[in-house]
Amino acid sequence: MAYTFALRPSKAAMFSWDTPAPFMLPLTAQGADIDGLGHTNNTVYVQWCEQVAWAHSHRLGLGIDDYRRLDRAMAIRSASYDYLLPTFEGERLTLGTWLAGGDGRLSMRRHFQLVRDDDGATVMRGHWDLVCIELGSGKPKRMPAEFVAAYVQPK
């Protein structure tokens, strides 16, 4: 997968982010994202989190090809999402992500914050607890130096 995102001109930099400088992905809720209750389905937020996480990893210099070459991946051990407000078709949103709490060996945490562009309201917060695994076995394995450099000590 290739990810290239340009942040559209918006007030995103002025939002009340939970961290000083999140990696940001602009989004717009589409018709296919809307469920029978007329708002963005919660599973779409989860998909958006995956998209922004991969885009951020690419920005930090690690993509799926690197994961395969190194026979390592950061796997989700647990995920938590707090859905605070609904979003609707056509709404412009910005999803921020950042890394925190990496131990440099096996684990780290990725945070998410989804903000509505019109008023800066936070509509969702979440986090993933991640563990480094060996792709070949699926077992936990120490992070390679490339992971530590990109994820634990990001540029």
N, C-alpha and C. Protein backbone atom coordinates (compact mmCIF):
# COMPACT_ATOMS: atom_id res chain seq x y z
N MET A 1 0.83 -1.18 0.00
CA MET A 1 0.00 0.00 0.00
C MET A 1 0.88 1.24 0.00
N ALA A 2 0.50 2.20 -0.77
CA ALA A 2 1.21 3.47 -0.78
C ALA A 2 0.30 4.54 -0.20
N TYR A 3 0.82 5.35 0.68
CA TYR A 3 0.04 6.40 1.30
C TYR A 3 0.67 7.74 1.03
N THR A 4 -0.08 8.61 0.41
CA THR A 4 0.35 10.00 0.25
C THR A 4 -0.83 10.86 0.62
N PHE A 5 -0.65 11.69 1.60
CA PHE A 5 -1.72 12.54 2.08
C PHE A 5 -1.24 13.97 2.18
N ALA A 6 -2.02 14.86 1.71
CA ALA A 6 -1.74 16.29 1.90
C ALA A 6 -2.83 16.85 2.78
N LEU A 7 -2.43 17.53 3.82
CA LEU A 7 -3.41 18.12 4.72
C LEU A 7 -4.08 19.30 4.02
N ARG A 8 -5.39 19.21 3.87
CA ARG A 8 -6.10 20.30 3.21
C ARG A 8 -6.03 21.55 4.08
N PRO A 9 -6.12 22.71 3.46
CA PRO A 9 -6.12 23.92 4.28
C PRO A 9 -7.28 23.87 5.27
N SER A 10 -6.98 23.94 6.51
CA SER A 10 -8.02 23.88 7.54
C SER A 10 -7.48 24.47 8.83
N LYS A 11 -8.29 24.37 9.84
CA LYS A 11 -7.90 24.85 11.15
C LYS A 11 -7.25 23.73 11.96
N ALA A 12 -6.85 22.62 11.30
CA ALA A 12 -6.36 21.44 12.01
C ALA A 12 -5.22 21.75 12.96
N ALA A 13 -4.31 22.61 12.56
CA ALA A 13 -3.17 22.93 13.43
C ALA A 13 -3.61 23.66 14.69
N MET A 14 -4.77 24.29 14.66
CA MET A 14 -5.24 25.05 15.82
C MET A 14 -6.17 24.25 16.72
N PHE A 15 -6.48 23.00 16.35
CA PHE A 15 -7.36 22.19 17.18
C PHE A 15 -6.72 21.94 18.53
N SER A 16 -7.53 21.59 19.49
CA SER A 16 -7.06 21.26 20.82
C SER A 16 -6.66 19.78 20.84
N TRP A 17 -5.45 19.51 20.35
CA TRP A 17 -4.96 18.13 20.30
C TRP A 17 -4.49 17.70 21.68
N ASP A 18 -4.58 16.40 21.93
CA ASP A 18 -4.12 15.85 23.21
C ASP A 18 -2.60 15.77 23.29
N THR A 19 -1.91 15.98 22.18
CA THR A 19 -0.45 15.99 22.11
C THR A 19 -0.04 17.16 21.24
N PRO A 20 1.15 17.70 21.42
CA PRO A 20 1.52 18.91 20.68
C PRO A 20 1.59 18.78 19.16
N ALA A 21 2.02 17.65 18.61
CA ALA A 21 2.22 17.57 17.17
C ALA A 21 1.84 16.20 16.62
N PRO A 22 0.55 15.89 16.54
CA PRO A 22 0.16 14.58 16.00
C PRO A 22 0.41 14.50 14.50
N PHE A 23 0.55 13.29 13.99
CA PHE A 23 0.52 13.07 12.55
C PHE A 23 -0.96 13.14 12.17
N MET A 24 -1.30 13.90 11.13
CA MET A 24 -2.71 14.15 10.82
C MET A 24 -3.10 13.63 9.44
N LEU A 25 -4.30 13.10 9.36
CA LEU A 25 -4.89 12.61 8.12
C LEU A 25 -6.26 13.27 7.94
N PRO A 26 -6.45 14.01 6.84
CA PRO A 26 -7.77 14.60 6.59
C PRO A 26 -8.73 13.54 6.06
N LEU A 27 -9.97 13.58 6.49
CA LEU A 27 -10.99 12.62 6.09
C LEU A 27 -12.30 13.34 5.84
N THR A 28 -13.14 12.72 5.03
CA THR A 28 -14.52 13.19 4.85
C THR A 28 -15.42 11.97 4.91
N ALA A 29 -16.42 12.00 5.75
CA ALA A 29 -17.36 10.89 5.86
C ALA A 29 -18.14 10.77 4.54
N GLN A 30 -18.10 9.58 3.94
CA GLN A 30 -18.76 9.32 2.66
C GLN A 30 -20.08 8.57 2.89
N GLY A 31 -20.91 8.53 1.87
CA GLY A 31 -22.18 7.83 1.98
C GLY A 31 -22.04 6.38 2.41
N ALA A 32 -21.00 5.70 1.90
CA ALA A 32 -20.79 4.29 2.25
C ALA A 32 -20.39 4.11 3.72
N ASP A 33 -19.97 5.19 4.38
CA ASP A 33 -19.55 5.14 5.79
C ASP A 33 -20.74 5.24 6.75
N ILE A 34 -21.89 5.61 6.22
CA ILE A 34 -23.06 5.91 7.06
C ILE A 34 -23.88 4.64 7.27
N ASP A 35 -24.29 4.42 8.51
CA ASP A 35 -25.06 3.21 8.83
C ASP A 35 -26.56 3.51 8.86
N GLY A 36 -27.34 2.55 9.25
CA GLY A 36 -28.79 2.66 9.28
C GLY A 36 -29.31 3.71 10.25
N LEU A 37 -28.47 4.16 11.16
CA LEU A 37 -28.88 5.19 12.11
C LEU A 37 -28.56 6.60 11.60
N GLY A 38 -27.95 6.67 10.40
CA GLY A 38 -27.71 7.96 9.77
C GLY A 38 -26.40 8.63 10.14
N HIS A 39 -25.52 7.92 10.86
CA HIS A 39 -24.22 8.51 11.19
C HIS A 39 -23.10 7.55 10.79
N THR A 40 -21.88 8.04 10.88
CA THR A 40 -20.73 7.21 10.51
C THR A 40 -20.68 5.99 11.42
N ASN A 41 -20.59 4.81 10.81
CA ASN A 41 -20.54 3.57 11.57
C ASN A 41 -19.22 3.50 12.35
N ASN A 42 -19.30 3.00 13.58
CA ASN A 42 -18.11 2.93 14.43
C ASN A 42 -16.98 2.11 13.80
N THR A 43 -17.33 1.10 13.00
CA THR A 43 -16.29 0.30 12.37
C THR A 43 -15.48 1.11 11.36
N VAL A 44 -16.06 2.16 10.81
CA VAL A 44 -15.34 3.03 9.88
C VAL A 44 -14.23 3.77 10.63
N TYR A 45 -14.52 4.20 11.85
CA TYR A 45 -13.49 4.87 12.65
C TYR A 45 -12.29 3.93 12.85
N VAL A 46 -12.56 2.65 13.09
CA VAL A 46 -11.50 1.67 13.28
C VAL A 46 -10.68 1.54 11.99
N GLN A 47 -11.35 1.50 10.85
CA GLN A 47 -10.63 1.44 9.56
C GLN A 47 -9.79 2.70 9.35
N TRP A 48 -10.33 3.85 9.70
CA TRP A 48 -9.57 5.09 9.57
C TRP A 48 -8.33 5.06 10.46
N CYS A 49 -8.46 4.50 11.65
CA CYS A 49 -7.30 4.39 12.54
C CYS A 49 -6.21 3.54 11.90
N GLU A 50 -6.60 2.46 11.26
CA GLU A 50 -5.62 1.63 10.56
C GLU A 50 -4.95 2.42 9.44
N GLN A 51 -5.73 3.18 8.69
CA GLN A 51 -5.17 3.97 7.60
C GLN A 51 -4.16 5.00 8.11
N VAL A 52 -4.52 5.73 9.15
CA VAL A 52 -3.61 6.76 9.65
C VAL A 52 -2.37 6.13 10.30
N ALA A 53 -2.53 4.96 10.93
CA ALA A 53 -1.38 4.28 11.54
C ALA A 53 -0.37 3.88 10.46
N TRP A 54 -0.84 3.30 9.36
CA TRP A 54 0.07 2.92 8.27
C TRP A 54 0.69 4.15 7.63
N ALA A 55 -0.10 5.20 7.41
CA ALA A 55 0.45 6.42 6.82
C ALA A 55 1.54 7.00 7.71
N HIS A 56 1.30 6.99 9.02
CA HIS A 56 2.30 7.49 9.97
C HIS A 56 3.55 6.62 9.94
N SER A 57 3.38 5.31 9.91
CA SER A 57 4.53 4.40 9.83
C SER A 57 5.36 4.68 8.58
N HIS A 58 4.65 4.88 7.46
CA HIS A 58 5.37 5.21 6.22
C HIS A 58 6.15 6.51 6.38
N ARG A 59 5.53 7.51 6.99
CA ARG A 59 6.21 8.79 7.21
C ARG A 59 7.46 8.60 8.07
N LEU A 60 7.39 7.66 9.01
CA LEU A 60 8.53 7.38 9.89
C LEU A 60 9.56 6.46 9.23
N GLY A 61 9.26 5.99 8.01
CA GLY A 61 10.23 5.19 7.26
C GLY A 61 10.03 3.70 7.30
N LEU A 62 8.90 3.23 7.81
CA LEU A 62 8.64 1.79 7.86
C LEU A 62 7.33 1.46 7.15
N GLY A 63 7.40 0.57 6.16
CA GLY A 63 6.22 0.11 5.46
C GLY A 63 6.11 -1.40 5.54
N ILE A 64 5.12 -1.94 4.89
CA ILE A 64 4.88 -3.39 4.93
C ILE A 64 6.07 -4.17 4.38
N ASP A 65 6.74 -3.64 3.36
CA ASP A 65 7.92 -4.33 2.82
C ASP A 65 9.04 -4.41 3.86
N ASP A 66 9.18 -3.37 4.66
CA ASP A 66 10.18 -3.39 5.73
C ASP A 66 9.80 -4.42 6.78
N TYR A 67 8.53 -4.50 7.12
CA TYR A 67 8.06 -5.49 8.08
C TYR A 67 8.42 -6.91 7.60
N ARG A 68 8.15 -7.16 6.33
CA ARG A 68 8.45 -8.50 5.77
C ARG A 68 9.95 -8.76 5.76
N ARG A 69 10.74 -7.78 5.33
CA ARG A 69 12.20 -7.93 5.26
C ARG A 69 12.78 -8.22 6.65
N LEU A 70 12.27 -7.56 7.67
CA LEU A 70 12.76 -7.71 9.03
C LEU A 70 12.11 -8.88 9.77
N ASP A 71 11.07 -9.48 9.16
CA ASP A 71 10.30 -10.56 9.79
C ASP A 71 9.75 -10.14 11.15
N ARG A 72 9.30 -8.88 11.21
CA ARG A 72 8.72 -8.33 12.43
C ARG A 72 7.51 -7.48 12.09
N ALA A 73 6.62 -7.32 13.05
CA ALA A 73 5.46 -6.44 12.91
C ALA A 73 5.04 -5.99 14.29
N MET A 74 4.36 -4.83 14.32
CA MET A 74 3.75 -4.37 15.56
C MET A 74 2.29 -4.80 15.49
N ALA A 75 1.92 -5.76 16.31
CA ALA A 75 0.57 -6.33 16.31
C ALA A 75 -0.25 -5.71 17.44
N ILE A 76 -1.52 -5.52 17.18
CA ILE A 76 -2.42 -4.95 18.20
C ILE A 76 -2.71 -6.02 19.25
N ARG A 77 -2.31 -5.74 20.47
CA ARG A 77 -2.61 -6.64 21.60
C ARG A 77 -3.98 -6.30 22.17
N SER A 78 -4.27 -5.01 22.26
CA SER A 78 -5.60 -4.57 22.69
C SER A 78 -5.89 -3.21 22.06
N ALA A 79 -7.17 -2.93 21.88
CA ALA A 79 -7.61 -1.68 21.28
C ALA A 79 -8.76 -1.12 22.10
N SER A 80 -8.79 0.20 22.21
CA SER A 80 -9.86 0.86 22.95
C SER A 80 -10.27 2.11 22.19
N TYR A 81 -11.58 2.31 22.05
CA TYR A 81 -12.11 3.48 21.35
C TYR A 81 -13.23 4.09 22.19
N ASP A 82 -13.19 5.39 22.35
CA ASP A 82 -14.26 6.12 23.02
C ASP A 82 -14.94 6.98 21.96
N TYR A 83 -16.18 6.61 21.63
CA TYR A 83 -16.95 7.33 20.63
C TYR A 83 -17.73 8.43 21.35
N LEU A 84 -17.32 9.67 21.15
CA LEU A 84 -17.84 10.77 21.93
C LEU A 84 -19.01 11.50 21.27
N LEU A 85 -18.94 11.67 19.94
CA LEU A 85 -19.98 12.38 19.18
C LEU A 85 -20.16 11.71 17.83
N PRO A 86 -21.35 11.77 17.26
CA PRO A 86 -21.55 11.20 15.93
C PRO A 86 -20.98 12.12 14.85
N THR A 87 -20.69 11.52 13.69
CA THR A 87 -20.34 12.30 12.50
C THR A 87 -21.27 11.88 11.38
N PHE A 88 -21.40 12.74 10.38
CA PHE A 88 -22.40 12.55 9.34
C PHE A 88 -21.79 12.70 7.95
N GLU A 89 -22.52 12.20 6.96
CA GLU A 89 -22.05 12.26 5.58
C GLU A 89 -21.66 13.68 5.20
N GLY A 90 -20.50 13.78 4.57
CA GLY A 90 -20.01 15.06 4.09
C GLY A 90 -19.19 15.84 5.11
N GLU A 91 -19.21 15.43 6.38
CA GLU A 91 -18.43 16.16 7.38
C GLU A 91 -16.94 15.95 7.15
N ARG A 92 -16.22 17.06 7.26
CA ARG A 92 -14.77 17.03 7.14
C ARG A 92 -14.18 16.83 8.53
N LEU A 93 -13.24 15.90 8.60
CA LEU A 93 -12.65 15.50 9.87
C LEU A 93 -11.14 15.44 9.73
N THR A 94 -10.44 15.47 10.84
CA THR A 94 -9.01 15.26 10.86
C THR A 94 -8.70 14.23 11.94
N LEU A 95 -7.99 13.18 11.55
CA LEU A 95 -7.61 12.13 12.48
C LEU A 95 -6.13 12.27 12.79
N GLY A 96 -5.83 12.46 14.07
CA GLY A 96 -4.45 12.57 14.52
C GLY A 96 -4.01 11.29 15.20
N THR A 97 -2.72 10.98 15.07
CA THR A 97 -2.16 9.82 15.77
C THR A 97 -0.76 10.16 16.25
N TRP A 98 -0.34 9.48 17.32
CA TRP A 98 1.00 9.65 17.85
C TRP A 98 1.36 8.43 18.67
N LEU A 99 2.65 8.25 18.87
CA LEU A 99 3.16 7.11 19.62
C LEU A 99 3.61 7.57 21.00
N ALA A 100 3.43 6.71 21.98
CA ALA A 100 3.84 7.01 23.34
C ALA A 100 4.08 5.71 24.09
N GLY A 101 4.92 5.76 25.06
CA GLY A 101 5.08 4.63 25.96
C GLY A 101 5.84 3.45 25.40
N GLY A 102 6.64 3.65 24.35
CA GLY A 102 7.42 2.54 23.84
C GLY A 102 8.54 2.17 24.80
N ASP A 103 8.71 0.86 25.01
CA ASP A 103 9.76 0.42 25.93
C ASP A 103 11.07 0.10 25.21
N GLY A 104 11.06 0.15 23.86
CA GLY A 104 12.27 -0.13 23.10
C GLY A 104 12.60 -1.60 22.98
N ARG A 105 11.73 -2.44 23.52
CA ARG A 105 11.97 -3.88 23.47
C ARG A 105 10.82 -4.59 22.78
N LEU A 106 9.64 -4.58 23.39
CA LEU A 106 8.52 -5.35 22.86
C LEU A 106 7.26 -4.54 22.60
N SER A 107 7.03 -3.49 23.35
CA SER A 107 5.71 -2.87 23.30
C SER A 107 5.74 -1.36 23.11
N MET A 108 4.60 -0.86 22.69
CA MET A 108 4.39 0.59 22.57
C MET A 108 2.89 0.84 22.49
N ARG A 109 2.52 2.10 22.58
CA ARG A 109 1.12 2.49 22.50
C ARG A 109 0.96 3.54 21.40
N ARG A 110 -0.10 3.38 20.60
CA ARG A 110 -0.46 4.35 19.57
C ARG A 110 -1.79 4.98 19.98
N HIS A 111 -1.83 6.31 19.98
CA HIS A 111 -3.03 7.06 20.33
C HIS A 111 -3.70 7.63 19.08
N PHE A 112 -5.01 7.85 19.19
CA PHE A 112 -5.80 8.43 18.11
C PHE A 112 -6.72 9.50 18.68
N GLN A 113 -6.96 10.54 17.89
CA GLN A 113 -7.94 11.57 18.22
C GLN A 113 -8.57 12.03 16.92
N LEU A 114 -9.88 11.91 16.81
CA LEU A 114 -10.61 12.33 15.62
C LEU A 114 -11.36 13.61 15.94
N VAL A 115 -11.10 14.64 15.12
CA VAL A 115 -11.64 15.98 15.37
C VAL A 115 -12.49 16.42 14.18
N ARG A 116 -13.62 17.04 14.48
CA ARG A 116 -14.49 17.61 13.44
C ARG A 116 -13.91 18.97 13.04
N ASP A 117 -13.68 19.16 11.73
CA ASP A 117 -13.03 20.38 11.26
C ASP A 117 -13.86 21.64 11.52
N ASP A 118 -15.16 21.57 11.39
CA ASP A 118 -15.99 22.76 11.51
C ASP A 118 -15.88 23.47 12.86
N ASP A 119 -15.84 22.68 13.93
CA ASP A 119 -15.84 23.31 15.25
C ASP A 119 -14.71 22.84 16.17
N GLY A 120 -13.86 21.93 15.67
CA GLY A 120 -12.74 21.44 16.47
C GLY A 120 -13.12 20.47 17.57
N ALA A 121 -14.36 20.00 17.56
CA ALA A 121 -14.81 19.06 18.60
C ALA A 121 -14.16 17.70 18.40
N THR A 122 -13.69 17.11 19.49
CA THR A 122 -13.17 15.74 19.44
C THR A 122 -14.36 14.79 19.41
N VAL A 123 -14.42 13.94 18.39
CA VAL A 123 -15.55 13.02 18.25
C VAL A 123 -15.19 11.58 18.63
N MET A 124 -13.88 11.27 18.67
CA MET A 124 -13.43 9.93 19.05
C MET A 124 -12.01 10.02 19.57
N ARG A 125 -11.73 9.23 20.60
CA ARG A 125 -10.37 9.03 21.10
C ARG A 125 -10.16 7.53 21.20
N GLY A 126 -8.94 7.11 20.98
CA GLY A 126 -8.65 5.70 21.11
C GLY A 126 -7.17 5.45 21.28
N HIS A 127 -6.85 4.20 21.54
CA HIS A 127 -5.44 3.80 21.58
C HIS A 127 -5.32 2.31 21.30
N TRP A 128 -4.17 1.95 20.82
CA TRP A 128 -3.80 0.55 20.64
C TRP A 128 -2.59 0.27 21.51
N ASP A 129 -2.61 -0.86 22.20
CA ASP A 129 -1.42 -1.39 22.83
C ASP A 129 -0.84 -2.40 21.86
N LEU A 130 0.40 -2.18 21.47
CA LEU A 130 1.04 -2.97 20.42
C LEU A 130 2.19 -3.79 20.98
N VAL A 131 2.42 -4.95 20.38
CA VAL A 131 3.54 -5.80 20.76
C VAL A 131 4.27 -6.20 19.48
N CYS A 132 5.58 -6.23 19.54
CA CYS A 132 6.37 -6.64 18.39
C CYS A 132 6.35 -8.17 18.30
N ILE A 133 6.04 -8.65 17.10
CA ILE A 133 6.02 -10.10 16.87
C ILE A 133 6.93 -10.46 15.70
N GLU A 134 7.36 -11.70 15.70
CA GLU A 134 8.06 -12.26 14.55
C GLU A 134 6.99 -12.76 13.58
N LEU A 135 7.02 -12.29 12.35
CA LEU A 135 5.98 -12.67 11.39
C LEU A 135 5.95 -14.17 11.15
N GLY A 136 7.11 -14.79 11.06
CA GLY A 136 7.18 -16.22 10.75
C GLY A 136 6.54 -17.11 11.79
N SER A 137 6.61 -16.71 13.05
CA SER A 137 6.08 -17.56 14.12
C SER A 137 4.85 -16.97 14.81
N GLY A 138 4.69 -15.65 14.71
CA GLY A 138 3.60 -14.98 15.43
C GLY A 138 3.91 -14.77 16.90
N LYS A 139 5.11 -15.12 17.32
CA LYS A 139 5.49 -14.99 18.74
C LYS A 139 6.12 -13.63 19.00
N PRO A 140 5.96 -13.13 20.23
CA PRO A 140 6.61 -11.87 20.58
C PRO A 140 8.12 -11.97 20.42
N LYS A 141 8.70 -10.94 19.83
CA LYS A 141 10.15 -10.86 19.63
C LYS A 141 10.60 -9.42 19.82
N ARG A 142 11.80 -9.25 20.23
CA ARG A 142 12.37 -7.92 20.45
C ARG A 142 12.29 -7.08 19.17
N MET A 143 12.03 -5.77 19.35
CA MET A 143 11.99 -4.85 18.22
C MET A 143 13.36 -4.76 17.57
N PRO A 144 13.42 -4.82 16.24
CA PRO A 144 14.71 -4.57 15.58
C PRO A 144 15.09 -3.10 15.73
N ALA A 145 16.36 -2.81 15.49
CA ALA A 145 16.87 -1.44 15.64
C ALA A 145 16.07 -0.45 14.81
N GLU A 146 15.63 -0.86 13.61
CA GLU A 146 14.85 0.02 12.74
C GLU A 146 13.54 0.43 13.39
N PHE A 147 12.89 -0.48 14.11
CA PHE A 147 11.64 -0.17 14.79
C PHE A 147 11.88 0.81 15.93
N VAL A 148 12.95 0.55 16.70
CA VAL A 148 13.27 1.44 17.83
C VAL A 148 13.53 2.85 17.32
N ALA A 149 14.32 2.94 16.24
CA ALA A 149 14.65 4.25 15.68
C ALA A 149 13.41 5.00 15.18
N ALA A 150 12.51 4.28 14.54
CA ALA A 150 11.32 4.92 13.94
C ALA A 150 10.21 5.14 14.97
N TYR A 151 9.96 4.16 15.80
CA TYR A 151 8.78 4.20 16.65
C TYR A 151 9.03 4.71 18.07
N VAL A 152 10.15 4.36 18.64
CA VAL A 152 10.41 4.72 20.03
C VAL A 152 11.13 6.06 20.12
N GLN A 153 11.96 6.34 19.11
CA GLN A 153 12.71 7.60 19.08
C GLN A 153 12.41 8.29 17.74
N PRO A 154 11.11 8.59 17.46
CA PRO A 154 10.78 9.15 16.14
C PRO A 154 11.45 10.49 15.90
N LYS A 155 11.67 10.72 14.60
CA LYS A 155 12.32 11.96 14.17
C LYS A 155 11.39 13.13 14.34
